[in-house]
Every structure is written in C-alpha cells, then in structure tokens.
C-alpha cells in the first residue's frame, strides 16, 4: 500500500499513505540467527520474528530480561522479505515502500546505514483501454481519485464507520480505476471491505526506497539476536500464574509472552490458546482483518515502460474489476512489481502462478506491444493469503470494526501481550508501525515484570 497518487492530489488529506507490508524477510546467514537448545524457564517468550518481534527482542535484551525468541519460518522478517535468488537482484517479496519519515525507525536506520536510500519519484504512465491516456484523461483520473479520497475522508472525519463503497462517487469513466487505486492497490481490500474511520485515522506519509530491499534493512536489524528459527509456537497455556508455550521442540514456561503473529493467523486458529481468549479479544482478530495483496514481479532486460527508474503504470479498470498497478524498473533493476489486491488477488492466487503471470503479460501486450515478450526474462509470484504463517497482507478494520483496535492492543491477564503492525495506533499496515508496536509492548512487559 504505497502512496501512489501524486502528492498534489492528496494535499490537505490528513491520512495515511499506505506501505505494502505483505511479505517476509531476507534470510540471514546461519551465523546471524542462532538455534540452540530451548531454555525452559525464561521471563518472556517472544513469538514471531517480524519487525515487531525483532524490536521487542532489542528492548528486552537491552533491559536485561531473559527471553526466548521463536520464529516459525526459516528466516526473520515476517512479511518483509528481500531475496536475490529469483532474479539475481534484490527482490522484495513483501514490503518495498519505506514510509512515515523519521517516525519510522527503519527510515532512520536506512539514512544512517550503507544503503542507497532515496525518495520515490512520481512518474506515471496511464493507459485508457489499449492506448496511452491523453493529458485530459489523466487529469480526469486524478480529479475523480481526489473526489473519492475526499468522500472517504469526510466520512472518516465525521466518525462514520462505514465502507468507502457507501460514500465514494462511482458514476465516472475513471471511477473504477480510482476505486482500484485506493482500495485493492493501497489497502489490499475492495472498497466494500474496510472502514472510512480507520482509513482516516492513520498517519500520512510519502514513499522512499532502499535499493538493497526493505527486507535487507530488517534482516540487518535482527543480526546477532538469538532467534530460534523453524520453531513455531502451536499453543499457549495461560490459565496458571504464567504461560506455557508449546512448540515441536518442547514447552517453554515463562512469566509472559509477546505475540506478534498476524491477525490472519490468530483469526484462523494458527496459534491455539488454552483456555480460550475472551470473546471480545477473539472478535478483534476478525474485526481488524488482513487484506489480500500480491506481487506479480516481472523482469525485463530493457525499460519497456519508458519511465526510467521507479515509474508507475496504471490501466483503466473496466467492469470486470480485474486490474493491477505496477512499479516499473524498480531501482533501475528491470523489475516490475505488478500488484493485485482485494478479492481479485484472492481469485488470482487460487488460479495459480501461471494464471497470474499470464494475466499481467496479456494486459501488457495489449497496452505496450511486442517489446513485452522481446525483453521479458522471468517472473516470480507471491501467495500471501494461502501462506499459513501469514494469511494475507496488512490488517485494517472492517466497516464497523474500528473500535476493536483498542481491544486488539490490550494485554490479557497481564501476561499475554500483543504487538505488530495491526496494533499500532496510526502507523498500522507499515513496517515502522510494527517496529514501534513491538518496542512499546516490550517496554510495557519490562515494567510489568518489575512491578
């Protein structure tokens, strides 16, 4: 969910511009993340080594708290994953857009580190049907996009916890394209499926890129932490004075647990609780629900889009609502992130990788022509909704669900603490929000243990 509308179109809208947080992280060398025998009686168990879990671990370590850190996957980072195996260049399978400025700890780390870190350009190529849009058509798109955003914003300001589809203008030749841009492309949800109030009460931002990949930033921050990879927590028993966290490698007893897995995993029962959590807590996992968002990444030998590095491509959306938006020639590598979201992303994921690639290539052939096949070198497709360790992309409130954010953030019995992007007050759906949530939650745990 990067902020893909030109800045002038969003001036005056005090709301978040979303970052994609739908991936996993760069796999670290074996020396960077250790896997020793599980200690049996630490003070705290941290569950999940995404941005929130990593931040929590730093706080606990700095405070001298004895903890065990579990990660179900074979790499750190959760949904922030940079790899080079697919194309020989950094490829972000999940988050790519670094947002929220210096509020985001990763923004500051990128500025201070050995990375090529730069603000995203705002270059667009827009297609109307099977040709380049005229200047007037492009202006019409941005005008209706602004009208749609303003309608959502007005509803949010007034506390109307309704879906954008209930308030946004729809009777315009470019309205479906604007709906796609604000809904599936930014939110990972159709316009019927998220809350105007939630959208409004979110931090504003602009996009920056780390050429080495967002996942590389997160993996570097995890370096040296004792993280138990390939060790899922399967059940938390919390009926006694502390917690007992069950894993395939044994049970860990501790005074408290910090749970950083996604609301998709929690809502789907991927982590069991004994006894069951309070009904309102369970409801919050469903109310602050994951979206659906995937990269269909293509590699081209030449800049077939003619936009230079880091340009955007949009095509006019028809009644089928089958659409993608593309970040082209990312950091000059030839990668095009052709992204789908919402219900169409779910349908395409179910159809399989070949169908996803065929959809994008067929559309690009119609828009651009023979250069697409002449310079096409390969593809990689994500499938985050079916990944049992993720179950979707960044979380946002369903219509009517905004009040459940406070419930989601609240601890249970002062020994089950919850953190992650979905738990941050206004930087939800961002890597920075996950980091801040993890650090803030760990600080609460430190205080609780000292009480």
Protein backbone atom coordinates (compact mmCIF):
# COMPACT_ATOMS: atom_id res chain seq x y z
CA UNK A 1 0.00 0.00 0.00
CA UNK A 2 2.35 2.68 -1.10
CA UNK A 3 1.07 6.19 -1.64
CA UNK A 4 0.86 6.10 -5.39
CA UNK A 5 -1.25 9.14 -6.16
CA UNK A 6 0.85 12.27 -6.92
CA UNK A 7 1.33 14.38 -3.80
CA UNK A 8 -0.66 17.30 -5.16
CA UNK A 9 -3.71 15.07 -5.34
CA UNK A 10 -3.51 14.29 -1.64
CA UNK A 11 -2.70 17.73 -0.31
CA UNK A 12 -4.91 18.58 2.63
CA UNK A 13 -5.85 14.97 3.37
CA UNK A 14 -4.55 14.21 6.86
CA UNK A 15 -4.46 10.48 6.40
CA UNK A 16 -2.03 7.65 5.95
CA UNK A 17 -0.38 6.76 2.67
CA UNK A 18 -0.01 3.09 2.94
CA UNK A 19 3.10 0.89 2.73
CA UNK A 20 2.99 -2.67 1.44
CA UNK A 21 3.61 -4.95 4.39
CA UNK A 22 2.69 -8.21 2.96
CA UNK A 23 5.85 -10.16 2.73
CA UNK A 24 8.56 -11.97 4.77
CA UNK A 25 12.32 -11.06 5.26
CA UNK A 26 15.76 -11.66 3.86
CA UNK A 27 17.06 -14.98 5.08
CA UNK A 28 20.07 -14.36 7.30
CA UNK A 29 23.30 -16.33 7.19
CA UNK A 30 23.42 -19.11 9.75
CA UNK A 31 25.82 -17.12 11.92
CA UNK A 32 23.37 -14.24 12.22
CA UNK A 33 20.49 -16.16 13.81
CA UNK A 34 21.39 -18.93 16.17
CA UNK A 35 19.39 -22.02 17.07
CA UNK A 36 20.47 -23.50 20.36
CA UNK A 37 18.69 -25.76 22.84
CA UNK A 38 15.50 -24.08 24.01
CA UNK A 39 15.76 -22.63 27.52
CA UNK A 40 12.86 -23.88 29.61
CA UNK A 41 12.17 -21.04 32.06
CA UNK A 42 12.84 -17.55 30.64
CA UNK A 43 10.98 -14.48 31.81
CA UNK A 44 9.41 -13.82 28.41
CA UNK A 45 8.70 -15.69 25.19
CA UNK A 46 8.57 -13.56 22.02
CA UNK A 47 6.52 -15.26 19.31
CA UNK A 48 7.35 -14.13 15.78
CA UNK A 49 10.49 -12.53 14.35
CA UNK A 50 8.98 -9.95 12.05
CA UNK A 51 9.65 -6.27 12.61
CA UNK A 52 7.58 -6.23 15.82
CA UNK A 53 9.26 -9.27 17.33
CA UNK A 54 12.73 -8.01 16.44
CA UNK A 55 12.04 -4.63 18.04
CA UNK A 56 10.64 -6.31 21.16
CA UNK A 57 13.74 -8.51 21.42
CA UNK A 58 16.04 -5.48 21.32
CA UNK A 59 14.13 -3.82 24.17
CA UNK A 60 14.13 -6.96 26.30
CA UNK A 61 17.82 -7.59 25.68
CA UNK A 62 18.76 -4.00 26.49
CA UNK A 63 16.72 -4.22 29.72
CA UNK A 64 18.50 -7.41 30.76
CA UNK A 65 15.33 -9.52 30.58
CA UNK A 66 15.81 -13.24 30.00
CA UNK A 67 13.77 -14.20 26.93
CA UNK A 68 13.36 -16.82 24.21
CA UNK A 69 12.52 -15.72 20.69
CA UNK A 70 10.58 -18.12 18.43
CA UNK A 71 10.07 -17.87 14.66
CA UNK A 72 8.07 -20.42 12.69
CA UNK A 73 9.74 -19.65 9.35
CA UNK A 74 13.28 -20.34 8.29
CA UNK A 75 14.11 -16.63 8.06
CA UNK A 76 13.47 -13.49 10.04
CA UNK A 77 11.33 -10.54 9.00
CA UNK A 78 7.81 -11.91 8.76
CA UNK A 79 6.21 -10.16 5.81
CA UNK A 80 9.31 -8.17 4.88
CA UNK A 81 11.43 -10.42 2.70
CA UNK A 82 14.18 -9.48 0.25
CA UNK A 83 15.74 -12.25 -1.82
CA UNK A 84 18.05 -12.39 -4.82
CA UNK A 85 17.52 -15.99 -5.91
CA UNK A 86 14.65 -15.19 -8.30
CA UNK A 87 16.34 -12.57 -10.49
CA UNK A 88 19.89 -12.03 -9.26
CA UNK A 89 18.97 -8.58 -7.91
CA UNK A 90 17.20 -7.55 -4.68
CA UNK A 91 13.55 -8.55 -4.91
CA UNK A 92 11.13 -7.53 -2.17
CA UNK A 93 8.52 -10.25 -1.92
CA UNK A 94 6.67 -8.16 0.61
CA UNK A 95 7.18 -4.60 1.85
CA UNK A 96 9.03 -2.30 -0.52
CA UNK A 97 7.87 1.25 0.32
CA UNK A 98 9.64 2.86 3.30
CA UNK A 99 7.24 5.36 4.81
CA UNK A 100 6.33 7.66 7.69
CA UNK A 101 9.60 9.56 7.56
CA UNK A 102 11.72 9.68 10.71
CA UNK A 103 8.84 8.38 12.81
CA UNK A 104 9.72 5.07 11.20
CA UNK A 105 12.84 3.64 12.90
CA UNK A 106 13.75 1.90 9.65
CA UNK A 107 13.75 5.22 7.83
CA UNK A 108 16.37 6.47 10.28
CA UNK A 109 18.33 3.22 10.01
CA UNK A 110 18.30 3.45 6.22
CA UNK A 111 19.53 7.04 6.36
CA UNK A 112 22.36 6.10 8.70
CA UNK A 113 23.32 2.79 7.09
CA UNK A 114 25.25 1.74 3.98
CA UNK A 115 22.18 1.77 1.74
CA UNK A 116 21.16 3.60 -1.41
CA UNK A 117 18.14 5.28 0.11
CA UNK A 118 16.14 7.83 -1.83
CA UNK A 119 12.72 9.41 -2.18
CA UNK A 120 10.45 7.80 -4.74
CA UNK A 121 9.85 9.72 -7.96
CA UNK A 122 6.29 10.47 -9.04
CA UNK A 123 6.31 9.47 -12.71
CA UNK A 124 3.16 7.86 -14.12
CA UNK A 125 2.10 6.28 -17.37
CA UNK A 126 -1.65 5.82 -17.61
CA UNK A 127 -3.45 3.74 -20.19
CA UNK A 128 -7.03 4.19 -21.36
CA UNK A 129 -8.26 0.84 -22.69
CA UNK A 130 -5.46 -0.17 -25.12
CA UNK A 131 -3.61 3.13 -25.61
CA UNK A 132 -1.87 5.83 -23.65
CA UNK A 133 -4.32 8.15 -21.93
CA UNK A 134 -4.48 11.71 -23.15
CA UNK A 135 -3.50 14.53 -20.84
CA UNK A 136 -7.18 15.30 -20.33
CA UNK A 137 -7.97 11.68 -19.47
CA UNK A 138 -5.12 11.52 -16.98
CA UNK A 139 -6.33 14.72 -15.35
CA UNK A 140 -9.83 13.24 -15.19
CA UNK A 141 -8.44 10.23 -13.33
CA UNK A 142 -6.66 12.34 -10.73
CA UNK A 143 -9.72 14.53 -10.30
CA UNK A 144 -12.06 11.64 -9.58
CA UNK A 145 -9.37 9.98 -7.43
CA UNK A 146 -9.26 13.12 -5.30
CA UNK A 147 -13.07 13.17 -5.12
CA UNK A 148 -13.16 9.56 -3.96
CA UNK A 149 -10.46 10.20 -1.35
CA UNK A 150 -12.24 13.33 -0.12
CA UNK A 151 -15.53 11.43 0.24
CA UNK A 152 -13.83 8.74 2.33
CA UNK A 153 -12.07 11.40 4.37
CA UNK A 154 -15.27 13.30 5.09
CA UNK A 155 -16.96 10.14 6.30
CA UNK A 156 -13.96 9.30 8.46
CA UNK A 157 -13.77 12.79 9.98
CA UNK A 158 -17.44 12.51 10.92
CA UNK A 159 -16.93 9.15 12.59
CA UNK A 160 -18.91 7.18 10.02
CA UNK A 161 -17.51 3.68 10.42
CA UNK A 162 -18.81 2.57 7.02
CA UNK A 163 -17.26 1.16 3.88
CA UNK A 164 -15.90 3.60 1.26
CA UNK A 165 -18.22 2.00 -1.29
CA UNK A 166 -21.12 3.53 0.63
CA UNK A 167 -19.88 7.11 0.21
CA UNK A 168 -17.48 7.33 -2.75
CA UNK A 169 -18.59 8.58 -6.19
CA UNK A 170 -18.87 5.75 -8.72
CA UNK A 171 -20.53 7.27 -11.80
CA UNK A 172 -17.47 8.35 -13.78
CA UNK A 173 -15.48 6.68 -16.58
CA UNK A 174 -12.38 6.62 -14.36
CA UNK A 175 -14.13 5.87 -11.05
CA UNK A 176 -13.34 2.15 -11.14
CA UNK A 177 -9.66 3.00 -11.60
CA UNK A 178 -9.72 5.35 -8.61
CA UNK A 179 -11.56 2.73 -6.56
CA UNK A 180 -8.91 0.19 -7.53
CA UNK A 181 -6.09 2.57 -6.61
CA UNK A 182 -7.42 3.45 -3.17
CA UNK A 183 -8.89 0.02 -2.38
CA UNK A 184 -7.09 -3.07 -3.75
CA UNK A 185 -3.83 -1.30 -4.71
CA UNK A 186 -3.34 0.67 -1.50
CA UNK A 187 -5.43 -1.18 1.09
CA UNK A 188 -5.35 -4.75 -0.22
CA UNK A 189 -9.14 -4.72 0.10
CA UNK A 190 -12.14 -3.94 -2.05
CA UNK A 191 -13.91 -0.68 -1.27
CA UNK A 192 -16.69 -2.61 0.47
CA UNK A 193 -14.31 -4.19 2.96
CA UNK A 194 -12.59 -1.51 5.05
CA UNK A 195 -13.59 1.34 7.32
CA UNK A 196 -13.62 5.03 6.42
CA UNK A 197 -12.81 5.89 10.04
CA UNK A 198 -9.85 3.53 10.11
CA UNK A 199 -8.57 4.92 6.80
CA UNK A 200 -8.87 8.46 8.09
CA UNK A 201 -7.21 7.84 11.46
CA UNK A 202 -3.89 6.81 10.00
CA UNK A 203 -0.54 8.54 9.57
CA UNK A 204 0.24 10.40 6.37
CA UNK A 205 3.48 9.79 4.51
CA UNK A 206 5.48 9.77 1.30
CA UNK A 207 7.42 6.89 -0.27
CA UNK A 208 11.15 6.19 -0.10
CA UNK A 209 13.10 3.21 -1.42
CA UNK A 210 16.13 1.26 -0.25
CA UNK A 211 17.70 -0.19 -3.39
CA UNK A 212 19.05 -3.12 -1.37
CA UNK A 213 15.48 -4.01 -0.34
CA UNK A 214 13.32 -3.33 2.70
CA UNK A 215 13.88 -6.88 3.87
CA UNK A 216 17.61 -6.23 3.93
CA UNK A 217 17.06 -3.39 6.42
CA UNK A 218 15.00 -5.65 8.70
CA UNK A 219 17.40 -8.58 8.43
CA UNK A 220 20.32 -6.32 9.31
CA UNK A 221 18.48 -5.10 12.40
CA UNK A 222 17.96 -8.70 13.51
CA UNK A 223 21.59 -9.63 13.07
CA UNK A 224 23.08 -11.08 16.25
CA UNK A 225 19.79 -11.70 18.03
CA UNK A 226 19.31 -15.26 19.36
CA UNK A 227 16.27 -16.28 17.32
CA UNK A 228 15.00 -19.85 17.20
CA UNK A 229 14.10 -20.32 13.53
CA UNK A 230 11.80 -23.09 12.27
CA UNK A 231 10.24 -23.22 15.73
CA UNK A 232 6.53 -22.42 15.66
CA UNK A 233 4.53 -21.78 18.79
CA UNK A 234 1.49 -24.04 18.48
CA UNK A 235 -0.36 -23.42 21.76
CA UNK A 236 -0.17 -21.03 24.71
CA UNK A 237 -1.49 -22.28 28.01
CA UNK A 238 -2.11 -19.27 30.24
CA UNK A 239 -4.53 -20.48 32.88
CA UNK A 240 -1.96 -20.53 35.68
CA UNK A 241 0.32 -17.84 37.07
CA UNK A 242 2.40 -17.56 33.90
CA UNK A 243 2.38 -19.00 30.39
CA UNK A 244 3.44 -22.30 28.87
CA UNK A 245 4.27 -22.03 25.17
CA UNK A 246 4.17 -25.33 23.32
CA UNK A 247 6.45 -25.93 20.32
CA UNK A 248 7.55 -29.02 18.37
CA UNK A 249 10.84 -28.76 20.26
CA UNK A 250 9.26 -28.72 23.70
CA UNK A 251 7.33 -26.47 26.08
CA UNK A 252 8.69 -23.19 27.40
CA UNK A 253 7.38 -21.82 30.68
CA UNK A 254 7.66 -18.11 31.25
CA UNK A 255 6.14 -15.22 33.12
CA UNK A 256 4.75 -13.57 29.96
CA UNK A 257 4.50 -13.90 26.19
CA UNK A 258 4.61 -11.26 23.46
CA UNK A 259 2.55 -12.45 20.49
CA UNK A 260 3.45 -10.74 17.20
CA UNK A 261 1.84 -13.07 14.65
CA UNK A 262 -0.69 -11.60 12.22
CA UNK A 263 -4.40 -11.21 12.89
CA UNK A 264 -4.90 -13.57 9.96
CA UNK A 265 -3.06 -16.35 11.75
CA UNK A 266 -4.84 -15.56 15.03
CA UNK A 267 -8.28 -15.43 13.41
CA UNK A 268 -7.62 -18.71 11.61
CA UNK A 269 -6.58 -20.59 14.74
CA UNK A 270 -2.94 -20.90 13.72
CA UNK A 271 -1.98 -20.34 17.34
CA UNK A 272 -4.18 -22.00 19.96
CA UNK A 273 -4.90 -20.57 23.43
CA UNK A 274 -5.82 -22.64 26.48
CA UNK A 275 -8.12 -21.53 28.00
CA UNK A 276 -9.77 -19.73 25.10
CA UNK A 277 -9.23 -16.00 24.95
CA UNK A 278 -12.08 -13.67 25.96
CA UNK A 279 -14.72 -13.46 23.25
CA UNK A 280 -14.09 -9.76 22.61
CA UNK A 281 -10.38 -10.44 22.06
CA UNK A 282 -11.18 -13.18 19.57
CA UNK A 283 -13.58 -10.80 17.82
CA UNK A 284 -10.83 -8.22 17.42
CA UNK A 285 -8.78 -10.64 15.29
CA UNK A 286 -11.66 -10.78 12.81
CA UNK A 287 -12.58 -7.09 13.02
CA UNK A 288 -9.01 -5.92 12.28
CA UNK A 289 -8.79 -8.24 9.33
CA UNK A 290 -6.00 -8.99 6.91
CA UNK A 291 -6.22 -7.85 3.32
CA UNK A 292 -5.13 -9.70 0.19
CA UNK A 293 -2.21 -8.37 -1.84
CA UNK A 294 0.37 -10.00 -4.08
CA UNK A 295 3.32 -9.01 -6.22
CA UNK A 296 3.43 -10.47 -9.71
CA UNK A 297 7.02 -9.45 -10.37
CA UNK A 298 8.37 -9.45 -13.92
CA UNK A 299 11.99 -8.97 -15.02
CA UNK A 300 12.71 -7.12 -18.25
CA UNK A 301 16.05 -6.70 -19.99
CA UNK A 302 15.08 -3.19 -21.12
CA UNK A 303 12.86 -0.43 -19.77
CA UNK A 304 9.83 -1.38 -21.83
CA UNK A 305 7.69 1.17 -19.98
CA UNK A 306 9.86 4.15 -20.93
CA UNK A 307 9.66 5.75 -17.50
CA UNK A 308 13.21 5.37 -16.23
CA UNK A 309 13.70 4.00 -12.72
CA UNK A 310 10.74 3.70 -10.36
CA UNK A 311 7.84 4.76 -12.56
CA UNK A 312 4.20 3.82 -12.07
CA UNK A 313 1.79 2.28 -14.57
CA UNK A 314 -1.99 2.26 -14.27
CA UNK A 315 -4.56 0.99 -16.74
CA UNK A 316 -8.22 1.96 -16.91
CA UNK A 317 -10.29 -0.56 -14.98
CA UNK A 318 -13.37 -1.99 -16.66
CA UNK A 319 -16.48 -3.66 -15.26
CA UNK A 320 -14.58 -6.88 -14.53
CA UNK A 321 -12.53 -5.06 -11.85
CA UNK A 322 -9.57 -7.20 -12.90
CA UNK A 323 -6.64 -4.84 -12.57
CA UNK A 324 -3.07 -4.39 -11.46
CA UNK A 325 -0.88 -1.39 -10.79
CA UNK A 326 2.84 -1.53 -11.45
CA UNK A 327 6.02 -0.06 -10.05
CA UNK A 328 8.35 -0.35 -13.04
CA UNK A 329 12.12 -0.71 -13.32
CA UNK A 330 12.47 -0.70 -9.51
CA UNK A 331 15.74 0.98 -8.52
CA UNK A 332 16.87 0.52 -12.13
CA UNK A 333 16.97 -3.29 -11.84
CA UNK A 334 14.42 -4.05 -14.58
CA UNK A 335 11.93 -5.47 -12.05
CA UNK A 336 8.28 -4.51 -12.46
CA UNK A 337 6.12 -5.08 -9.38
CA UNK A 338 2.71 -5.68 -10.95
CA UNK A 339 0.45 -5.76 -7.91
CA UNK A 340 -3.06 -7.06 -7.38
CA UNK A 341 -5.24 -6.70 -4.31
CA UNK A 342 -8.59 -7.46 -2.74
CA UNK A 343 -10.93 -10.17 -3.99
CA UNK A 344 -9.25 -10.30 -7.41
CA UNK A 345 -5.93 -11.05 -5.70
CA UNK A 346 -7.58 -13.95 -3.88
CA UNK A 347 -9.08 -15.28 -7.10
CA UNK A 348 -5.81 -14.99 -8.98
CA UNK A 349 -3.87 -16.64 -6.16
CA UNK A 350 -6.30 -19.55 -6.25
CA UNK A 351 -5.85 -19.82 -10.02
CA UNK A 352 -2.09 -20.26 -9.61
CA UNK A 353 1.16 -18.60 -10.60
CA UNK A 354 0.87 -19.32 -14.31
CA UNK A 355 -2.54 -17.66 -14.46
CA UNK A 356 -1.25 -14.61 -12.60
CA UNK A 357 1.71 -14.15 -14.93
CA UNK A 358 -0.47 -14.72 -18.00
CA UNK A 359 -2.94 -12.07 -16.82
CA UNK A 360 -0.26 -9.43 -16.44
CA UNK A 361 1.64 -10.29 -19.61
CA UNK A 362 -1.56 -10.38 -21.68
CA UNK A 363 -2.56 -6.97 -20.38
CA UNK A 364 0.89 -5.52 -21.05
CA UNK A 365 0.96 -6.93 -24.57
CA UNK A 366 -2.30 -5.11 -25.25
CA UNK A 367 -1.01 -1.87 -23.76
CA UNK A 368 2.62 -1.82 -24.88
CA UNK A 369 3.05 -4.37 -27.66
CA UNK A 370 5.81 -6.72 -28.74
CA UNK A 371 8.56 -5.27 -26.55
CA UNK A 372 6.96 -7.06 -23.61
CA UNK A 373 7.77 -10.54 -24.93
CA UNK A 374 11.03 -9.49 -26.58
CA UNK A 375 12.56 -8.27 -23.31
CA UNK A 376 10.76 -10.47 -20.76
CA UNK A 377 13.22 -12.55 -18.71
CA UNK A 378 11.22 -14.17 -15.93
CA UNK A 379 8.62 -13.85 -13.19
CA UNK A 380 8.01 -14.50 -9.50
CA UNK A 381 4.59 -14.52 -7.83
CA UNK A 382 3.70 -14.23 -4.16
CA UNK A 383 0.79 -16.02 -2.47
CA UNK A 384 0.50 -14.48 0.98
CA UNK A 385 -3.15 -15.34 1.62
CA UNK A 386 -2.51 -19.08 1.40
CA UNK A 387 0.74 -18.89 3.41
CA UNK A 388 -0.17 -20.46 6.79
CA UNK A 389 2.37 -18.24 8.58
CA UNK A 390 0.84 -15.03 7.19
CA UNK A 391 -2.75 -15.45 5.89
CA UNK A 392 -2.90 -12.21 3.94
CA UNK A 393 -1.35 -8.77 3.88
CA UNK A 394 -1.50 -5.81 6.27
CA UNK A 395 -4.54 -5.57 8.53
CA UNK A 396 -7.23 -2.88 8.57
CA UNK A 397 -10.58 -2.53 10.25
CA UNK A 398 -13.68 -3.91 8.60
CA UNK A 399 -16.64 -1.49 8.35
CA UNK A 400 -17.88 -1.07 11.91
CA UNK A 401 -14.71 -2.62 13.32
CA UNK A 402 -12.64 0.46 14.17
CA UNK A 403 -13.39 0.38 17.95
CA UNK A 404 -11.85 -3.10 18.13
CA UNK A 405 -8.35 -1.70 17.61
CA UNK A 406 -8.18 -0.86 21.32
CA UNK A 407 -9.25 -4.40 22.17
CA UNK A 408 -6.63 -5.87 19.86
CA UNK A 409 -3.84 -3.89 21.53
CA UNK A 410 -4.88 -4.70 25.10
CA UNK A 411 -3.00 -7.39 27.07
CA UNK A 412 -4.81 -10.37 28.56
CA UNK A 413 -4.31 -11.15 32.24
CA UNK A 414 -1.11 -9.05 32.23
CA UNK A 415 0.80 -11.99 30.78
CA UNK A 416 -0.35 -12.19 27.15
CA UNK A 417 0.78 -9.13 25.24
CA UNK A 418 0.04 -8.45 21.56
CA UNK A 419 2.14 -6.44 19.12
CA UNK A 420 2.51 -5.94 15.37
CA UNK A 421 1.55 -3.55 12.61
CA UNK A 422 -2.14 -4.08 13.33
CA UNK A 423 -1.62 -2.93 16.91
CA UNK A 424 -0.08 0.47 16.22
CA UNK A 425 -2.38 3.42 16.78
CA UNK A 426 -1.91 5.19 13.43
CA UNK A 427 1.04 3.57 11.59
CA UNK A 428 -0.75 0.26 11.13
CA UNK A 429 -0.03 -1.59 7.90
CA UNK A 430 3.56 -0.37 7.97
CA UNK A 431 6.87 -1.91 8.92
CA UNK A 432 7.62 1.14 11.04
CA UNK A 433 4.34 0.71 12.88
CA UNK A 434 5.20 -2.92 13.60
CA UNK A 435 8.62 -1.90 14.94
CA UNK A 436 7.18 0.79 17.21
CA UNK A 437 4.43 -1.52 18.44
CA UNK A 438 6.95 -4.23 19.31
CA UNK A 439 9.22 -1.82 21.17
CA UNK A 440 6.34 -0.18 23.07
CA UNK A 441 4.83 -3.53 24.02
CA UNK A 442 8.16 -4.90 25.24
CA UNK A 443 8.65 -1.80 27.38
CA UNK A 444 5.24 -2.49 29.00
CA UNK A 445 6.32 -6.07 29.67
CA UNK A 446 9.55 -4.88 31.31
CA UNK A 447 7.54 -2.59 33.58
CA UNK A 448 5.05 -5.36 34.39
CA UNK A 449 7.85 -7.77 35.33
CA UNK A 450 9.39 -5.14 37.60
CA UNK A 451 6.14 -4.33 39.40
